């Protein structure tokens, strides 16, 4: 059974090792698609997938249409920043 692995990346020093790791681990049953969100894709499908998966941080990986648990971090919020003291004298 083929596995479709989608990698969402910003083509940066944090993302690049993850892309390499996935490619190194991939087998003949893995079909890998890398979405470089900086360059984006011609038809902008990568951006709609980003929203559909609820991706707020990269790198992020989905396998067979499901975002991996390790990639389900929540987005940075104003409350997070305020609790950390940002914007406070």
N, C-alpha and C. Protein backbone atom coordinates (compact mmCIF):
# COMPACT_ATOMS: atom_id res chain seq x y z
N UNK A 1 0.85 -1.17 0.00
CA UNK A 1 0.00 0.00 0.00
C UNK A 1 0.90 1.25 0.00
N UNK A 2 0.68 2.11 -0.95
CA UNK A 2 1.45 3.35 -1.05
C UNK A 2 1.09 4.29 0.09
N UNK A 3 2.09 5.02 0.57
CA UNK A 3 1.89 6.06 1.57
C UNK A 3 2.23 7.39 0.92
N UNK A 4 1.32 8.34 1.00
CA UNK A 4 1.59 9.67 0.46
C UNK A 4 2.06 10.54 1.62
N UNK A 5 3.30 10.97 1.54
CA UNK A 5 3.92 11.79 2.57
C UNK A 5 4.05 13.21 2.04
N UNK A 6 3.41 14.15 2.74
CA UNK A 6 3.48 15.55 2.35
C UNK A 6 4.30 16.29 3.40
N UNK A 7 5.34 16.99 2.94
CA UNK A 7 6.19 17.75 3.84
C UNK A 7 6.00 19.23 3.53
N UNK A 8 5.68 19.99 4.56
CA UNK A 8 5.52 21.44 4.43
C UNK A 8 6.75 22.09 5.06
N UNK A 9 7.45 22.89 4.28
CA UNK A 9 8.72 23.44 4.71
C UNK A 9 8.85 24.90 4.33
N UNK A 10 9.74 25.60 5.03
CA UNK A 10 10.07 26.98 4.68
C UNK A 10 11.46 27.03 4.06
N UNK A 11 12.00 25.84 3.72
CA UNK A 11 13.31 25.75 3.08
C UNK A 11 14.36 26.48 3.92
N UNK A 12 14.40 26.14 5.22
CA UNK A 12 15.30 26.83 6.15
C UNK A 12 16.16 25.81 6.90
N UNK A 13 17.12 26.27 7.68
CA UNK A 13 18.00 25.36 8.40
C UNK A 13 17.29 24.47 9.43
N UNK A 14 16.10 24.83 9.85
CA UNK A 14 15.34 23.98 10.77
C UNK A 14 14.56 22.93 9.98
N UNK A 15 14.02 23.30 8.85
CA UNK A 15 13.20 22.39 8.04
C UNK A 15 14.03 21.40 7.23
N UNK A 16 15.14 21.86 6.68
CA UNK A 16 15.92 21.03 5.75
C UNK A 16 16.33 19.68 6.34
N UNK A 17 16.79 19.60 7.60
CA UNK A 17 17.13 18.29 8.15
C UNK A 17 15.93 17.35 8.26
N UNK A 18 14.76 17.90 8.51
CA UNK A 18 13.55 17.07 8.59
C UNK A 18 13.21 16.51 7.22
N UNK A 19 13.31 17.33 6.19
CA UNK A 19 13.06 16.86 4.82
C UNK A 19 14.04 15.74 4.49
N UNK A 20 15.30 15.93 4.83
CA UNK A 20 16.32 14.90 4.56
C UNK A 20 16.01 13.62 5.33
N UNK A 21 15.60 13.74 6.59
CA UNK A 21 15.28 12.57 7.40
C UNK A 21 14.13 11.78 6.79
N UNK A 22 13.09 12.47 6.36
CA UNK A 22 11.95 11.78 5.75
C UNK A 22 12.39 11.06 4.49
N UNK A 23 13.16 11.74 3.67
CA UNK A 23 13.64 11.13 2.42
C UNK A 23 14.53 9.93 2.70
N UNK A 24 15.36 10.01 3.74
CA UNK A 24 16.23 8.89 4.10
C UNK A 24 15.43 7.69 4.61
N UNK A 25 14.34 7.96 5.32
CA UNK A 25 13.52 6.89 5.87
C UNK A 25 12.54 6.29 4.86
N UNK A 26 12.26 7.03 3.82
CA UNK A 26 11.24 6.61 2.85
C UNK A 26 11.62 5.29 2.19
N UNK A 27 10.59 4.53 1.87
CA UNK A 27 10.78 3.26 1.17
C UNK A 27 10.10 3.35 -0.20
N UNK A 28 10.11 2.25 -0.91
CA UNK A 28 9.50 2.22 -2.24
C UNK A 28 7.99 2.49 -2.18
N UNK A 29 7.39 2.27 -1.02
CA UNK A 29 5.95 2.47 -0.88
C UNK A 29 5.59 3.91 -0.51
N UNK A 30 6.60 4.77 -0.37
CA UNK A 30 6.37 6.15 0.03
C UNK A 30 6.47 7.08 -1.17
N UNK A 31 5.44 7.86 -1.35
CA UNK A 31 5.43 8.91 -2.37
C UNK A 31 5.54 10.23 -1.63
N UNK A 32 6.62 10.96 -1.85
CA UNK A 32 6.90 12.17 -1.09
C UNK A 32 6.62 13.41 -1.93
N UNK A 33 5.89 14.34 -1.33
CA UNK A 33 5.66 15.65 -1.94
C UNK A 33 6.16 16.69 -0.96
N UNK A 34 7.04 17.58 -1.42
CA UNK A 34 7.57 18.64 -0.58
C UNK A 34 6.95 19.95 -1.04
N UNK A 35 6.32 20.64 -0.10
CA UNK A 35 5.74 21.95 -0.39
C UNK A 35 6.62 23.02 0.24
N UNK A 36 7.33 23.78 -0.57
CA UNK A 36 8.14 24.89 -0.10
C UNK A 36 7.23 26.10 0.00
N UNK A 37 6.88 26.47 1.22
CA UNK A 37 5.90 27.53 1.42
C UNK A 37 6.45 28.92 1.13
N UNK A 38 7.77 29.03 1.03
CA UNK A 38 8.35 30.32 0.65
C UNK A 38 8.12 30.55 -0.84
N UNK A 39 8.41 29.54 -1.64
CA UNK A 39 8.20 29.65 -3.09
C UNK A 39 6.74 29.45 -3.45
N UNK A 40 6.04 28.70 -2.62
CA UNK A 40 4.66 28.29 -2.85
C UNK A 40 4.56 27.45 -4.12
N UNK A 41 3.42 26.96 -4.42
CA UNK A 41 3.25 26.15 -5.60
C UNK A 41 2.47 26.95 -6.64
N UNK A 42 2.63 26.58 -7.88
CA UNK A 42 2.02 27.35 -8.97
C UNK A 42 0.52 27.53 -8.83
N UNK A 43 -0.17 26.45 -8.43
CA UNK A 43 -1.63 26.53 -8.34
C UNK A 43 -2.13 26.89 -6.94
N UNK A 44 -1.20 27.18 -6.03
CA UNK A 44 -1.52 27.56 -4.64
C UNK A 44 -2.22 26.45 -3.86
N UNK A 45 -2.18 25.22 -4.36
CA UNK A 45 -2.79 24.09 -3.65
C UNK A 45 -2.12 23.88 -2.31
N UNK A 46 -0.81 24.18 -2.23
CA UNK A 46 -0.10 23.99 -0.97
C UNK A 46 -0.69 24.89 0.12
N UNK A 47 -1.13 26.07 -0.24
CA UNK A 47 -1.72 26.97 0.76
C UNK A 47 -3.08 26.47 1.23
N UNK A 48 -3.87 25.91 0.33
CA UNK A 48 -5.16 25.37 0.75
C UNK A 48 -4.96 24.12 1.61
N UNK A 49 -3.94 23.32 1.31
CA UNK A 49 -3.64 22.15 2.13
C UNK A 49 -3.17 22.59 3.52
N UNK A 50 -2.39 23.64 3.56
CA UNK A 50 -1.90 24.20 4.82
C UNK A 50 -3.09 24.52 5.73
N UNK A 51 -4.09 25.18 5.18
CA UNK A 51 -5.28 25.53 5.95
C UNK A 51 -6.10 24.29 6.30
N UNK A 52 -6.26 23.39 5.35
CA UNK A 52 -7.07 22.19 5.58
C UNK A 52 -6.49 21.33 6.71
N UNK A 53 -5.18 21.23 6.76
CA UNK A 53 -4.53 20.44 7.81
C UNK A 53 -4.41 21.21 9.12
N UNK A 54 -4.63 22.51 9.08
CA UNK A 54 -4.51 23.32 10.29
C UNK A 54 -3.06 23.54 10.71
N UNK A 55 -2.17 23.61 9.73
CA UNK A 55 -0.75 23.77 10.01
C UNK A 55 -0.46 25.23 10.38
N UNK A 56 0.20 25.40 11.52
CA UNK A 56 0.57 26.73 11.99
C UNK A 56 2.08 26.88 12.13
N UNK A 57 2.81 25.78 12.01
CA UNK A 57 4.26 25.80 12.15
C UNK A 57 4.87 24.82 11.16
N UNK A 58 6.08 25.13 10.74
CA UNK A 58 6.80 24.22 9.87
C UNK A 58 8.14 23.89 10.50
N UNK A 59 8.72 22.75 10.20
CA UNK A 59 8.23 21.78 9.25
C UNK A 59 7.02 21.03 9.79
N UNK A 60 6.18 20.58 8.89
CA UNK A 60 5.02 19.77 9.24
C UNK A 60 4.89 18.65 8.21
N UNK A 61 4.40 17.51 8.69
CA UNK A 61 4.30 16.34 7.82
C UNK A 61 2.92 15.72 7.95
N UNK A 62 2.33 15.39 6.81
CA UNK A 62 1.08 14.65 6.77
C UNK A 62 1.34 13.35 6.02
N UNK A 63 0.76 12.27 6.52
CA UNK A 63 0.88 10.97 5.87
C UNK A 63 -0.52 10.47 5.57
N UNK A 64 -0.76 10.17 4.32
CA UNK A 64 -2.07 9.71 3.86
C UNK A 64 -3.19 10.65 4.30
N UNK A 65 -2.93 11.94 4.21
CA UNK A 65 -3.96 12.93 4.48
C UNK A 65 -4.16 13.27 5.94
N UNK A 66 -3.30 12.75 6.84
CA UNK A 66 -3.44 13.04 8.26
C UNK A 66 -2.17 13.71 8.77
N UNK A 67 -2.34 14.85 9.40
CA UNK A 67 -1.22 15.56 9.98
C UNK A 67 -0.69 14.76 11.16
N UNK A 68 0.63 14.54 11.20
CA UNK A 68 1.21 13.78 12.31
C UNK A 68 1.02 14.52 13.62
N UNK A 69 0.85 13.76 14.71
CA UNK A 69 0.63 14.37 16.02
C UNK A 69 1.75 15.32 16.41
N UNK A 70 2.97 14.99 16.03
CA UNK A 70 4.11 15.85 16.39
C UNK A 70 4.05 17.21 15.69
N UNK A 71 3.19 17.33 14.70
CA UNK A 71 3.10 18.57 13.92
C UNK A 71 1.86 19.38 14.25
N UNK A 72 1.13 18.98 15.27
CA UNK A 72 -0.13 19.64 15.62
C UNK A 72 0.04 20.70 16.68
N UNK A 73 1.20 21.34 16.72
CA UNK A 73 1.42 22.41 17.68
C UNK A 73 0.47 23.56 17.39
N UNK A 74 0.07 24.19 18.43
CA UNK A 74 -0.84 25.31 18.25
C UNK A 74 -0.09 26.54 17.81
N UNK A 75 -0.80 27.45 17.23
CA UNK A 75 -0.19 28.69 16.77
C UNK A 75 0.15 29.58 17.95
N UNK A 76 1.08 30.49 17.72
CA UNK A 76 1.43 31.49 18.72
C UNK A 76 0.27 32.47 18.81
N UNK A 77 -0.17 32.74 20.03
CA UNK A 77 -1.30 33.65 20.21
C UNK A 77 -0.87 34.89 20.98
N UNK A 78 -1.71 35.89 20.94
CA UNK A 78 -1.47 37.12 21.68
C UNK A 78 -1.39 36.81 23.18
N UNK A 79 -2.25 35.91 23.64
CA UNK A 79 -2.24 35.53 25.06
C UNK A 79 -0.91 34.89 25.45
N UNK A 80 -0.36 34.02 24.60
CA UNK A 80 0.94 33.41 24.87
C UNK A 80 2.00 34.49 25.06
N UNK A 81 2.00 35.46 24.16
CA UNK A 81 3.00 36.52 24.22
C UNK A 81 2.82 37.39 25.46
N UNK A 82 1.57 37.71 25.77
CA UNK A 82 1.29 38.53 26.95
C UNK A 82 1.73 37.82 28.23
N UNK A 83 1.41 36.53 28.33
CA UNK A 83 1.81 35.74 29.51
C UNK A 83 3.34 35.71 29.66
N UNK A 84 4.06 35.78 28.55
CA UNK A 84 5.51 35.76 28.57
C UNK A 84 6.09 37.15 28.85
N UNK A 85 5.23 38.16 28.95
CA UNK A 85 5.68 39.50 29.29
C UNK A 85 5.93 40.40 28.10
N UNK A 86 5.66 39.92 26.91
CA UNK A 86 5.86 40.77 25.72
C UNK A 86 4.87 41.92 25.74
N UNK A 87 5.37 43.12 25.52
CA UNK A 87 4.52 44.30 25.50
C UNK A 87 4.26 44.90 26.86
N UNK A 88 4.92 44.38 27.87
CA UNK A 88 4.72 44.88 29.23
C UNK A 88 6.02 45.54 29.70
N UNK A 89 5.88 46.68 30.30
CA UNK A 89 7.06 47.42 30.80
C UNK A 89 7.67 46.75 31.99
